[in-house]
Amino acid sequence: MEEQIIVPCLGRPMTLGMLYDCRSDTSIPGVTLWDNNTLSNNTSIQHSEFSDFNVTADDSIENKAHLLNIKAGLKLSFIGGLVKVEGAAKYLDNNRSSANQARVVFKYSCKSSIEKLTMDHLNTDNIRYRDVFNNGIATHVVTAIEYGADAIFVFDRKESSSESCRKVEGKLEVSLAKIPAMSKTDA
């Protein structure tokens, strides 16, 4: 039995019960093991509001992948052009245009709820579409979806030298790090 994997959607549509192939990092829409009624009757929702932020001047692909919680395999798929990213993940494609460009990135994340399959329906008698096992199109089933959003704000400014870029980036990082604290005192 395969172990659990956690995959960022990166703008790709995912639904509970959907099949997923980790070999090619692709979701298989429209194909499930169970019918819609079984899926909807065996779903639970947990509300879990959470928010966080991160400020960085590091523009490396490693740092970008870290900010977006992208693991090595998916990062390689992106670098190799196998995965098209959407939403906040388009930040992976956003690069400095010159060495004299000061750049600071502010990432805001929020999570609202988790929708899970309860697993009460896993009895083999409840599987409606057994042919899925025989055709080998998938390695996993989507059993949970965490709802939330990431917003990436990129602040760029052209400078006359790389030294002034570092100064501007330092000042921007300090200023941006104050934003979440200010919003908490205003609430």
N, C-alpha and C. Protein backbone atom coordinates (compact mmCIF):
# COMPACT_ATOMS: atom_id res chain seq x y z
N MET A 1 0.84 -1.18 0.00
CA MET A 1 0.00 0.00 0.00
C MET A 1 0.89 1.24 0.00
N GLU A 2 0.59 2.19 -0.86
CA GLU A 2 1.36 3.43 -0.95
C GLU A 2 1.13 4.29 0.28
N GLU A 3 2.14 5.08 0.62
CA GLU A 3 2.00 5.99 1.75
C GLU A 3 1.25 7.25 1.33
N GLN A 4 0.83 7.99 2.32
CA GLN A 4 0.12 9.25 2.07
C GLN A 4 1.10 10.26 1.50
N ILE A 5 0.65 11.03 0.53
CA ILE A 5 1.46 12.13 0.00
C ILE A 5 0.63 13.40 0.09
N ILE A 6 1.31 14.51 0.24
CA ILE A 6 0.65 15.82 0.27
C ILE A 6 1.12 16.58 -0.95
N VAL A 7 0.16 17.01 -1.78
CA VAL A 7 0.47 17.66 -3.04
C VAL A 7 -0.18 19.04 -3.08
N PRO A 8 0.59 20.10 -3.30
CA PRO A 8 -0.04 21.41 -3.47
C PRO A 8 -0.81 21.45 -4.79
N CYS A 9 -1.98 22.03 -4.77
CA CYS A 9 -2.80 22.10 -5.98
C CYS A 9 -2.20 23.04 -7.02
N LEU A 10 -1.62 24.15 -6.59
CA LEU A 10 -1.00 25.13 -7.49
C LEU A 10 -1.95 25.55 -8.60
N GLY A 11 -3.20 25.77 -8.24
CA GLY A 11 -4.18 26.23 -9.21
C GLY A 11 -4.86 25.12 -9.99
N ARG A 12 -4.45 23.87 -9.78
CA ARG A 12 -5.07 22.75 -10.49
C ARG A 12 -6.32 22.32 -9.74
N PRO A 13 -7.39 21.98 -10.46
CA PRO A 13 -8.62 21.57 -9.77
C PRO A 13 -8.47 20.18 -9.14
N MET A 14 -8.90 20.07 -7.90
CA MET A 14 -8.89 18.78 -7.18
C MET A 14 -10.23 18.62 -6.49
N THR A 15 -10.73 17.39 -6.44
CA THR A 15 -11.96 17.09 -5.72
C THR A 15 -11.76 15.81 -4.92
N LEU A 16 -12.51 15.66 -3.84
CA LEU A 16 -12.42 14.45 -3.03
C LEU A 16 -12.80 13.24 -3.88
N GLY A 17 -12.05 12.16 -3.70
CA GLY A 17 -12.31 10.94 -4.44
C GLY A 17 -11.64 10.90 -5.80
N MET A 18 -11.13 12.03 -6.27
CA MET A 18 -10.46 12.10 -7.56
C MET A 18 -9.20 11.24 -7.51
N LEU A 19 -8.86 10.65 -8.63
CA LEU A 19 -7.64 9.85 -8.71
C LEU A 19 -6.46 10.75 -9.07
N TYR A 20 -5.27 10.32 -8.63
CA TYR A 20 -4.05 11.10 -8.84
C TYR A 20 -2.93 10.12 -9.18
N ASP A 21 -2.09 10.50 -10.13
CA ASP A 21 -0.94 9.68 -10.51
C ASP A 21 0.33 10.41 -10.12
N CYS A 22 1.01 9.93 -9.07
CA CYS A 22 2.22 10.62 -8.60
C CYS A 22 3.40 10.41 -9.54
N ARG A 23 3.32 9.41 -10.42
CA ARG A 23 4.42 9.18 -11.37
C ARG A 23 4.54 10.32 -12.36
N SER A 24 3.39 10.90 -12.74
CA SER A 24 3.39 12.00 -13.70
C SER A 24 2.89 13.30 -13.09
N ASP A 25 2.61 13.31 -11.79
CA ASP A 25 2.08 14.47 -11.07
C ASP A 25 0.85 15.03 -11.78
N THR A 26 -0.09 14.15 -12.08
CA THR A 26 -1.32 14.59 -12.75
C THR A 26 -2.55 14.07 -12.01
N SER A 27 -3.56 14.93 -11.95
CA SER A 27 -4.85 14.49 -11.42
C SER A 27 -5.66 13.95 -12.58
N ILE A 28 -6.55 13.02 -12.26
CA ILE A 28 -7.37 12.37 -13.29
C ILE A 28 -8.81 12.74 -13.01
N PRO A 29 -9.29 13.82 -13.62
CA PRO A 29 -10.65 14.29 -13.34
C PRO A 29 -11.72 13.35 -13.89
N GLY A 30 -12.83 13.29 -13.17
CA GLY A 30 -13.98 12.53 -13.65
C GLY A 30 -13.94 11.04 -13.36
N VAL A 31 -12.85 10.54 -12.78
CA VAL A 31 -12.74 9.11 -12.49
C VAL A 31 -12.56 8.94 -10.98
N THR A 32 -13.45 8.17 -10.35
CA THR A 32 -13.35 7.89 -8.91
C THR A 32 -13.62 6.41 -8.67
N LEU A 33 -13.41 5.98 -7.44
CA LEU A 33 -13.74 4.61 -7.07
C LEU A 33 -15.19 4.49 -6.63
N TRP A 34 -15.78 5.63 -6.21
CA TRP A 34 -17.12 5.63 -5.64
C TRP A 34 -18.03 6.57 -6.41
N ASP A 35 -19.32 6.36 -6.30
CA ASP A 35 -20.27 7.27 -6.93
C ASP A 35 -20.40 8.55 -6.10
N ASN A 36 -20.98 9.59 -6.69
CA ASN A 36 -21.09 10.90 -6.02
C ASN A 36 -21.86 10.82 -4.71
N ASN A 37 -22.90 10.01 -4.65
CA ASN A 37 -23.71 9.88 -3.44
C ASN A 37 -22.87 9.31 -2.29
N THR A 38 -22.10 8.27 -2.56
CA THR A 38 -21.24 7.68 -1.53
C THR A 38 -20.20 8.69 -1.05
N LEU A 39 -19.61 9.43 -2.00
CA LEU A 39 -18.61 10.44 -1.63
C LEU A 39 -19.22 11.53 -0.75
N SER A 40 -20.37 12.07 -1.15
CA SER A 40 -20.96 13.18 -0.39
C SER A 40 -21.46 12.73 0.99
N ASN A 41 -21.89 11.47 1.11
CA ASN A 41 -22.36 10.96 2.41
C ASN A 41 -21.22 10.58 3.35
N ASN A 42 -20.00 10.57 2.85
CA ASN A 42 -18.85 10.17 3.66
C ASN A 42 -17.77 11.25 3.68
N THR A 43 -18.23 12.49 3.79
CA THR A 43 -17.33 13.64 3.81
C THR A 43 -17.53 14.43 5.09
N SER A 44 -16.43 14.86 5.69
CA SER A 44 -16.52 15.74 6.86
C SER A 44 -15.73 17.01 6.58
N ILE A 45 -16.16 18.10 7.21
CA ILE A 45 -15.49 19.39 7.05
C ILE A 45 -15.08 19.89 8.43
N GLN A 46 -13.82 20.24 8.57
CA GLN A 46 -13.30 20.82 9.82
C GLN A 46 -12.86 22.25 9.52
N HIS A 47 -13.40 23.19 10.26
CA HIS A 47 -12.99 24.59 10.09
C HIS A 47 -11.73 24.83 10.92
N SER A 48 -10.74 25.41 10.30
CA SER A 48 -9.47 25.65 10.98
C SER A 48 -8.82 26.90 10.41
N GLU A 49 -9.25 28.04 10.89
CA GLU A 49 -8.73 29.30 10.36
C GLU A 49 -7.31 29.54 10.86
N PHE A 50 -6.45 29.92 9.92
CA PHE A 50 -5.04 30.11 10.20
C PHE A 50 -4.48 31.08 9.17
N SER A 51 -3.56 31.94 9.59
CA SER A 51 -2.87 32.79 8.63
C SER A 51 -1.41 32.95 9.05
N ASP A 52 -0.57 33.23 8.07
CA ASP A 52 0.86 33.37 8.31
C ASP A 52 1.45 34.25 7.22
N PHE A 53 2.65 34.75 7.44
CA PHE A 53 3.31 35.56 6.43
C PHE A 53 4.81 35.27 6.44
N ASN A 54 5.46 35.64 5.34
CA ASN A 54 6.89 35.48 5.21
C ASN A 54 7.41 36.61 4.34
N VAL A 55 8.56 37.17 4.68
CA VAL A 55 9.19 38.23 3.90
C VAL A 55 10.60 37.78 3.56
N THR A 56 10.99 37.92 2.28
CA THR A 56 12.32 37.50 1.87
C THR A 56 12.82 38.33 0.69
N ALA A 57 14.14 38.42 0.58
CA ALA A 57 14.77 39.05 -0.59
C ALA A 57 15.48 37.99 -1.43
N ASP A 58 15.41 36.74 -1.02
CA ASP A 58 16.06 35.63 -1.74
C ASP A 58 15.21 35.26 -2.95
N ASP A 59 15.80 35.36 -4.15
CA ASP A 59 15.06 35.13 -5.40
C ASP A 59 15.41 33.78 -6.03
N SER A 60 16.03 32.88 -5.28
CA SER A 60 16.44 31.59 -5.85
C SER A 60 15.23 30.67 -6.03
N ILE A 61 15.34 29.72 -6.93
CA ILE A 61 14.25 28.75 -7.16
C ILE A 61 14.05 27.90 -5.90
N GLU A 62 15.13 27.65 -5.16
CA GLU A 62 15.01 26.88 -3.92
C GLU A 62 14.14 27.62 -2.91
N ASN A 63 14.38 28.93 -2.76
CA ASN A 63 13.60 29.72 -1.82
C ASN A 63 12.15 29.85 -2.28
N LYS A 64 11.96 30.04 -3.59
CA LYS A 64 10.59 30.14 -4.11
C LYS A 64 9.81 28.85 -3.83
N ALA A 65 10.45 27.71 -4.07
CA ALA A 65 9.81 26.42 -3.82
C ALA A 65 9.52 26.25 -2.33
N HIS A 66 10.44 26.70 -1.48
CA HIS A 66 10.23 26.62 -0.03
C HIS A 66 9.04 27.49 0.39
N LEU A 67 8.97 28.72 -0.13
CA LEU A 67 7.85 29.61 0.21
C LEU A 67 6.50 29.01 -0.16
N LEU A 68 6.46 28.27 -1.26
CA LEU A 68 5.21 27.68 -1.74
C LEU A 68 5.01 26.24 -1.25
N ASN A 69 5.89 25.76 -0.36
CA ASN A 69 5.82 24.40 0.17
C ASN A 69 5.85 23.34 -0.92
N ILE A 70 6.71 23.54 -1.90
CA ILE A 70 6.83 22.60 -3.01
C ILE A 70 8.00 21.66 -2.73
N LYS A 71 7.74 20.37 -2.78
CA LYS A 71 8.77 19.37 -2.52
C LYS A 71 9.63 19.15 -3.77
N ALA A 72 10.73 18.42 -3.60
CA ALA A 72 11.74 18.25 -4.65
C ALA A 72 11.16 17.68 -5.95
N GLY A 73 10.33 16.65 -5.86
CA GLY A 73 9.79 16.03 -7.07
C GLY A 73 8.96 16.99 -7.91
N LEU A 74 8.10 17.75 -7.25
CA LEU A 74 7.27 18.71 -7.97
C LEU A 74 8.11 19.86 -8.50
N LYS A 75 9.14 20.25 -7.74
CA LYS A 75 10.04 21.31 -8.19
C LYS A 75 10.74 20.87 -9.48
N LEU A 76 11.20 19.62 -9.53
CA LEU A 76 11.84 19.10 -10.74
C LEU A 76 10.86 19.06 -11.91
N SER A 77 9.61 18.68 -11.63
CA SER A 77 8.59 18.68 -12.69
C SER A 77 8.38 20.08 -13.24
N PHE A 78 8.39 21.08 -12.36
CA PHE A 78 8.24 22.47 -12.81
C PHE A 78 9.44 22.90 -13.65
N ILE A 79 10.65 22.65 -13.13
CA ILE A 79 11.86 23.05 -13.85
C ILE A 79 11.92 22.37 -15.21
N GLY A 80 11.49 21.12 -15.28
CA GLY A 80 11.50 20.37 -16.53
C GLY A 80 10.35 20.71 -17.47
N GLY A 81 9.46 21.60 -17.04
CA GLY A 81 8.35 22.01 -17.89
C GLY A 81 7.19 21.03 -17.92
N LEU A 82 7.16 20.07 -17.00
CA LEU A 82 6.09 19.08 -16.98
C LEU A 82 4.83 19.57 -16.29
N VAL A 83 4.97 20.62 -15.45
CA VAL A 83 3.84 21.14 -14.69
C VAL A 83 3.64 22.60 -15.04
N LYS A 84 2.41 22.95 -15.38
CA LYS A 84 2.07 24.35 -15.62
C LYS A 84 1.45 24.88 -14.33
N VAL A 85 2.00 25.97 -13.81
CA VAL A 85 1.52 26.51 -12.54
C VAL A 85 0.53 27.64 -12.76
N GLU A 86 -0.37 27.80 -11.80
CA GLU A 86 -1.39 28.85 -11.84
C GLU A 86 -1.40 29.57 -10.50
N GLY A 87 -2.16 30.64 -10.43
CA GLY A 87 -2.35 31.37 -9.18
C GLY A 87 -1.04 31.88 -8.61
N ALA A 88 -0.92 31.80 -7.28
CA ALA A 88 0.28 32.30 -6.60
C ALA A 88 1.53 31.56 -7.05
N ALA A 89 1.39 30.35 -7.55
CA ALA A 89 2.55 29.57 -7.99
C ALA A 89 3.21 30.16 -9.23
N LYS A 90 2.55 31.09 -9.92
CA LYS A 90 3.19 31.76 -11.06
C LYS A 90 4.41 32.55 -10.61
N TYR A 91 4.51 32.78 -9.31
CA TYR A 91 5.68 33.43 -8.73
C TYR A 91 6.96 32.66 -9.09
N LEU A 92 6.87 31.35 -9.29
CA LEU A 92 8.03 30.56 -9.68
C LEU A 92 8.66 31.06 -10.97
N ASP A 93 7.83 31.59 -11.87
CA ASP A 93 8.31 32.09 -13.17
C ASP A 93 8.79 33.53 -13.11
N ASN A 94 8.58 34.23 -12.00
CA ASN A 94 8.88 35.66 -11.89
C ASN A 94 10.32 35.83 -11.40
N ASN A 95 11.18 36.39 -12.25
CA ASN A 95 12.59 36.54 -11.91
C ASN A 95 13.05 37.98 -12.04
N ARG A 96 14.14 38.31 -11.36
CA ARG A 96 14.75 39.64 -11.49
C ARG A 96 15.17 39.85 -12.94
N SER A 97 15.04 41.09 -13.41
CA SER A 97 15.44 41.38 -14.79
C SER A 97 16.89 41.86 -14.87
N SER A 98 17.47 42.30 -13.73
CA SER A 98 18.87 42.73 -13.74
C SER A 98 19.44 42.61 -12.33
N ALA A 99 20.78 42.68 -12.25
CA ALA A 99 21.46 42.61 -10.96
C ALA A 99 21.21 43.86 -10.13
N ASN A 100 20.81 44.94 -10.77
CA ASN A 100 20.55 46.20 -10.06
C ASN A 100 19.07 46.38 -9.76
N GLN A 101 18.38 45.31 -9.60
CA GLN A 101 16.96 45.36 -9.27
C GLN A 101 16.78 44.90 -7.83
N ALA A 102 16.35 45.80 -6.98
CA ALA A 102 16.04 45.44 -5.60
C ALA A 102 14.71 44.71 -5.61
N ARG A 103 14.64 43.60 -4.87
CA ARG A 103 13.41 42.81 -4.86
C ARG A 103 13.17 42.23 -3.48
N VAL A 104 11.95 42.44 -2.99
CA VAL A 104 11.52 41.83 -1.74
C VAL A 104 10.15 41.21 -1.98
N VAL A 105 9.96 40.03 -1.42
CA VAL A 105 8.71 39.29 -1.62
C VAL A 105 8.00 39.14 -0.27
N PHE A 106 6.71 39.44 -0.28
CA PHE A 106 5.85 39.27 0.89
C PHE A 106 4.85 38.18 0.54
N LYS A 107 4.85 37.09 1.32
CA LYS A 107 3.89 36.01 1.09
C LYS A 107 2.92 35.96 2.26
N TYR A 108 1.64 35.98 1.93
CA TYR A 108 0.59 35.85 2.94
C TYR A 108 -0.17 34.56 2.66
N SER A 109 -0.34 33.73 3.68
CA SER A 109 -1.08 32.47 3.55
C SER A 109 -2.23 32.46 4.53
N CYS A 110 -3.35 31.92 4.08
CA CYS A 110 -4.46 31.71 5.00
C CYS A 110 -5.11 30.37 4.67
N LYS A 111 -5.58 29.71 5.69
CA LYS A 111 -6.28 28.43 5.56
C LYS A 111 -7.63 28.57 6.24
N SER A 112 -8.67 27.97 5.65
CA SER A 112 -10.00 28.14 6.23
C SER A 112 -10.63 26.83 6.71
N SER A 113 -10.43 25.75 5.96
CA SER A 113 -11.05 24.48 6.36
C SER A 113 -10.37 23.31 5.67
N ILE A 114 -10.67 22.12 6.20
CA ILE A 114 -10.19 20.88 5.61
C ILE A 114 -11.40 20.00 5.36
N GLU A 115 -11.53 19.52 4.15
CA GLU A 115 -12.60 18.60 3.78
C GLU A 115 -11.96 17.22 3.61
N LYS A 116 -12.52 16.20 4.29
CA LYS A 116 -11.92 14.87 4.29
C LYS A 116 -12.96 13.80 3.99
N LEU A 117 -12.50 12.73 3.38
CA LEU A 117 -13.33 11.54 3.29
C LEU A 117 -13.24 10.85 4.65
N THR A 118 -14.38 10.38 5.17
CA THR A 118 -14.40 9.78 6.51
C THR A 118 -13.83 8.36 6.53
N MET A 119 -13.69 7.75 5.41
CA MET A 119 -13.14 6.40 5.25
C MET A 119 -14.11 5.31 5.67
N ASP A 120 -15.34 5.66 6.05
CA ASP A 120 -16.34 4.66 6.41
C ASP A 120 -16.78 3.84 5.20
N HIS A 121 -16.55 4.36 4.02
CA HIS A 121 -17.02 3.73 2.79
C HIS A 121 -15.95 2.87 2.12
N LEU A 122 -14.82 2.62 2.76
CA LEU A 122 -13.71 1.93 2.12
C LEU A 122 -13.93 0.43 1.92
N ASN A 123 -14.95 -0.12 2.51
CA ASN A 123 -15.28 -1.53 2.31
C ASN A 123 -15.32 -1.82 0.81
N THR A 124 -14.74 -2.93 0.40
CA THR A 124 -14.67 -3.24 -1.03
C THR A 124 -16.06 -3.39 -1.66
N ASP A 125 -17.07 -3.67 -0.86
CA ASP A 125 -18.43 -3.76 -1.40
C ASP A 125 -18.94 -2.41 -1.88
N ASN A 126 -18.39 -1.31 -1.35
CA ASN A 126 -18.86 0.03 -1.72
C ASN A 126 -18.19 0.60 -2.96
N ILE A 127 -17.14 -0.05 -3.44
CA ILE A 127 -16.44 0.46 -4.63
C ILE A 127 -17.32 0.21 -5.85
N ARG A 128 -17.63 1.28 -6.57
CA ARG A 128 -18.54 1.19 -7.72
C ARG A 128 -17.79 1.00 -9.04
N TYR A 129 -16.58 1.50 -9.14
CA TYR A 129 -15.86 1.49 -10.42
C TYR A 129 -14.57 0.68 -10.28
N ARG A 130 -14.72 -0.64 -10.24
CA ARG A 130 -13.60 -1.55 -10.01
C ARG A 130 -12.60 -1.57 -11.16
N ASP A 131 -13.00 -1.19 -12.35
CA ASP A 131 -12.09 -1.23 -13.50
C ASP A 131 -10.91 -0.27 -13.33
N VAL A 132 -11.03 0.69 -12.43
CA VAL A 132 -9.93 1.63 -12.16
C VAL A 132 -8.70 0.87 -11.68
N PHE A 133 -8.89 -0.22 -10.92
CA PHE A 133 -7.76 -0.99 -10.41
C PHE A 133 -7.00 -1.68 -11.54
N ASN A 134 -7.69 -2.05 -12.58
CA ASN A 134 -7.08 -2.83 -13.66
C ASN A 134 -6.35 -2.00 -14.70
N ASN A 135 -6.72 -0.72 -14.86
CA ASN A 135 -6.11 0.04 -15.95
C ASN A 135 -4.84 0.79 -15.55
N GLY A 136 -4.49 0.84 -14.26
CA GLY A 136 -3.23 1.42 -13.81
C GLY A 136 -3.03 2.90 -14.09
N ILE A 137 -4.12 3.65 -14.17
CA ILE A 137 -3.97 5.08 -14.49
C ILE A 137 -3.63 5.94 -13.28
N ALA A 138 -3.77 5.39 -12.08
CA ALA A 138 -3.56 6.22 -10.88
C ALA A 138 -2.77 5.46 -9.82
N THR A 139 -2.14 6.25 -8.95
CA THR A 139 -1.41 5.68 -7.83
C THR A 139 -2.05 6.01 -6.49
N HIS A 140 -2.88 7.08 -6.46
CA HIS A 140 -3.45 7.57 -5.21
C HIS A 140 -4.88 8.07 -5.43
N VAL A 141 -5.58 8.25 -4.31
CA VAL A 141 -6.92 8.84 -4.31
C VAL A 141 -6.86 10.10 -3.44
N VAL A 142 -7.48 11.19 -3.89
CA VAL A 142 -7.54 12.42 -3.09
C VAL A 142 -8.51 12.17 -1.94
N THR A 143 -7.99 12.16 -0.71
CA THR A 143 -8.81 11.86 0.47
C THR A 143 -9.05 13.08 1.35
N ALA A 144 -8.33 14.17 1.10
CA ALA A 144 -8.52 15.39 1.88
C ALA A 144 -8.08 16.59 1.06
N ILE A 145 -8.76 17.71 1.28
CA ILE A 145 -8.41 18.97 0.62
C ILE A 145 -8.40 20.06 1.68
N GLU A 146 -7.29 20.77 1.76
CA GLU A 146 -7.20 21.91 2.68
C GLU A 146 -7.47 23.17 1.86
N TYR A 147 -8.48 23.93 2.28
CA TYR A 147 -8.86 25.13 1.55
C TYR A 147 -8.15 26.35 2.13
N GLY A 148 -7.66 27.18 1.26
CA GLY A 148 -6.97 28.38 1.67
C GLY A 148 -6.43 29.09 0.45
N ALA A 149 -5.56 30.04 0.69
CA ALA A 149 -4.98 30.79 -0.42
C ALA A 149 -3.62 31.33 -0.01
N ASP A 150 -2.79 31.49 -1.01
CA ASP A 150 -1.51 32.16 -0.84
C ASP A 150 -1.52 33.38 -1.74
N ALA A 151 -1.04 34.48 -1.22
CA ALA A 151 -0.88 35.69 -2.03
C ALA A 151 0.59 36.07 -1.98
N ILE A 152 1.16 36.29 -3.14
CA ILE A 152 2.56 36.67 -3.24
C ILE A 152 2.62 38.09 -3.78
N PHE A 153 3.25 38.97 -3.02
CA PHE A 153 3.44 40.36 -3.44
C PHE A 153 4.93 40.56 -3.71
N VAL A 154 5.27 40.95 -4.93
CA VAL A 154 6.67 41.17 -5.30
C VAL A 154 6.89 42.67 -5.45
N PHE A 155 7.83 43.19 -4.68
CA PHE A 155 8.15 44.62 -4.73
C PHE A 155 9.52 44.77 -5.40
N ASP A 156 9.55 45.43 -6.56
CA ASP A 156 10.77 45.64 -7.32
C ASP A 156 11.10 47.11 -7.43
N ARG A 157 12.40 47.39 -7.50
CA ARG A 157 12.84 48.77 -7.72
C ARG A 157 14.23 48.73 -8.35
N LYS A 158 14.41 49.48 -9.42
CA LYS A 158 15.72 49.55 -10.07
C LYS A 158 16.61 50.50 -9.29
N GLU A 159 17.85 50.10 -9.10
CA GLU A 159 18.83 50.89 -8.37
C GLU A 159 20.08 51.08 -9.23
N SER A 160 20.93 52.01 -8.82
CA SER A 160 22.13 52.31 -9.60
C SER A 160 23.26 51.32 -9.33
N SER A 161 23.23 50.64 -8.20
CA SER A 161 24.29 49.67 -7.89
C SER A 161 23.73 48.52 -7.07
N SER A 162 24.49 47.42 -7.04
CA SER A 162 24.04 46.27 -6.25
C SER A 162 24.10 46.57 -4.76
N GLU A 163 25.01 47.47 -4.36
CA GLU A 163 25.09 47.86 -2.95
C GLU A 163 23.83 48.58 -2.51
N SER A 164 23.34 49.51 -3.33
CA SER A 164 22.10 50.21 -2.98
C SER A 164 20.91 49.26 -3.04
N CYS A 165 20.97 48.24 -3.89
CA CYS A 165 19.91 47.22 -3.93
C CYS A 165 19.79 46.53 -2.57
N ARG A 166 20.92 46.14 -2.00
CA ARG A 166 20.90 45.44 -0.70
C ARG A 166 20.34 46.34 0.40
N LYS A 167 20.67 47.63 0.36
CA LYS A 167 20.14 48.56 1.36
C LYS A 167 18.62 48.69 1.23
N VAL A 168 18.14 48.85 -0.01
CA VAL A 168 16.70 48.98 -0.25
C VAL A 168 15.99 47.71 0.18
N GLU A 169 16.55 46.55 -0.17
CA GLU A 169 15.93 45.28 0.21
C GLU A 169 15.85 45.14 1.73
N GLY A 170 16.91 45.53 2.43
CA GLY A 170 16.90 45.47 3.90
C GLY A 170 15.81 46.35 4.49
N LYS A 171 15.68 47.57 3.99
CA LYS A 171 14.65 48.49 4.50
C LYS A 171 13.25 47.96 4.19
N LEU A 172 13.07 47.44 2.98
CA LEU A 172 11.76 46.90 2.60
C LEU A 172 11.39 45.69 3.45
N GLU A 173 12.34 44.81 3.68
CA GLU A 173 12.07 43.62 4.51
C GLU A 173 11.59 44.03 5.90
N VAL A 174 12.25 44.99 6.51
CA VAL A 174 11.86 45.47 7.84
C VAL A 174 10.47 46.08 7.80
N SER A 175 10.20 46.90 6.80
CA SER A 175 8.88 47.55 6.69
C SER A 175 7.76 46.54 6.46
N LEU A 176 7.99 45.60 5.55
CA LEU A 176 6.95 44.61 5.24
C LEU A 176 6.69 43.67 6.42
N ALA A 177 7.71 43.37 7.19
CA ALA A 177 7.52 42.49 8.35
C ALA A 177 6.62 43.12 9.40
N LYS A 178 6.46 44.44 9.36
CA LYS A 178 5.60 45.14 10.33
C LYS A 178 4.12 45.07 9.95
N ILE A 179 3.79 44.76 8.72
CA ILE A 179 2.39 44.78 8.25
C ILE A 179 1.48 43.88 9.07
N PRO A 180 1.80 42.59 9.28
CA PRO A 180 0.89 41.75 10.07
C PRO A 180 0.69 42.25 11.50
N ALA A 181 1.73 42.78 12.12
CA ALA A 181 1.60 43.30 13.48
C ALA A 181 0.67 44.51 13.51
N MET A 182 0.76 45.37 12.48
CA MET A 182 -0.12 46.54 12.42
C MET A 182 -1.57 46.13 12.24
N SER A 183 -1.83 45.10 11.43
CA SER A 183 -3.21 44.68 11.19
C SER A 183 -3.83 44.07 12.43
N LYS A 184 -3.03 43.43 13.28
CA LYS A 184 -3.55 42.84 14.52
C LYS A 184 -3.92 43.91 15.53
N THR A 185 -3.18 45.01 15.56
CA THR A 185 -3.50 46.06 16.52
C THR A 185 -4.71 46.87 16.08
N ASP A 186 -4.99 46.90 14.77
CA ASP A 186 -6.14 47.64 14.25
C ASP A 186 -7.44 46.88 14.42
N ALA A 187 -7.36 45.56 14.60
CA ALA A 187 -8.57 44.73 14.66
C ALA A 187 -9.33 44.90 15.93
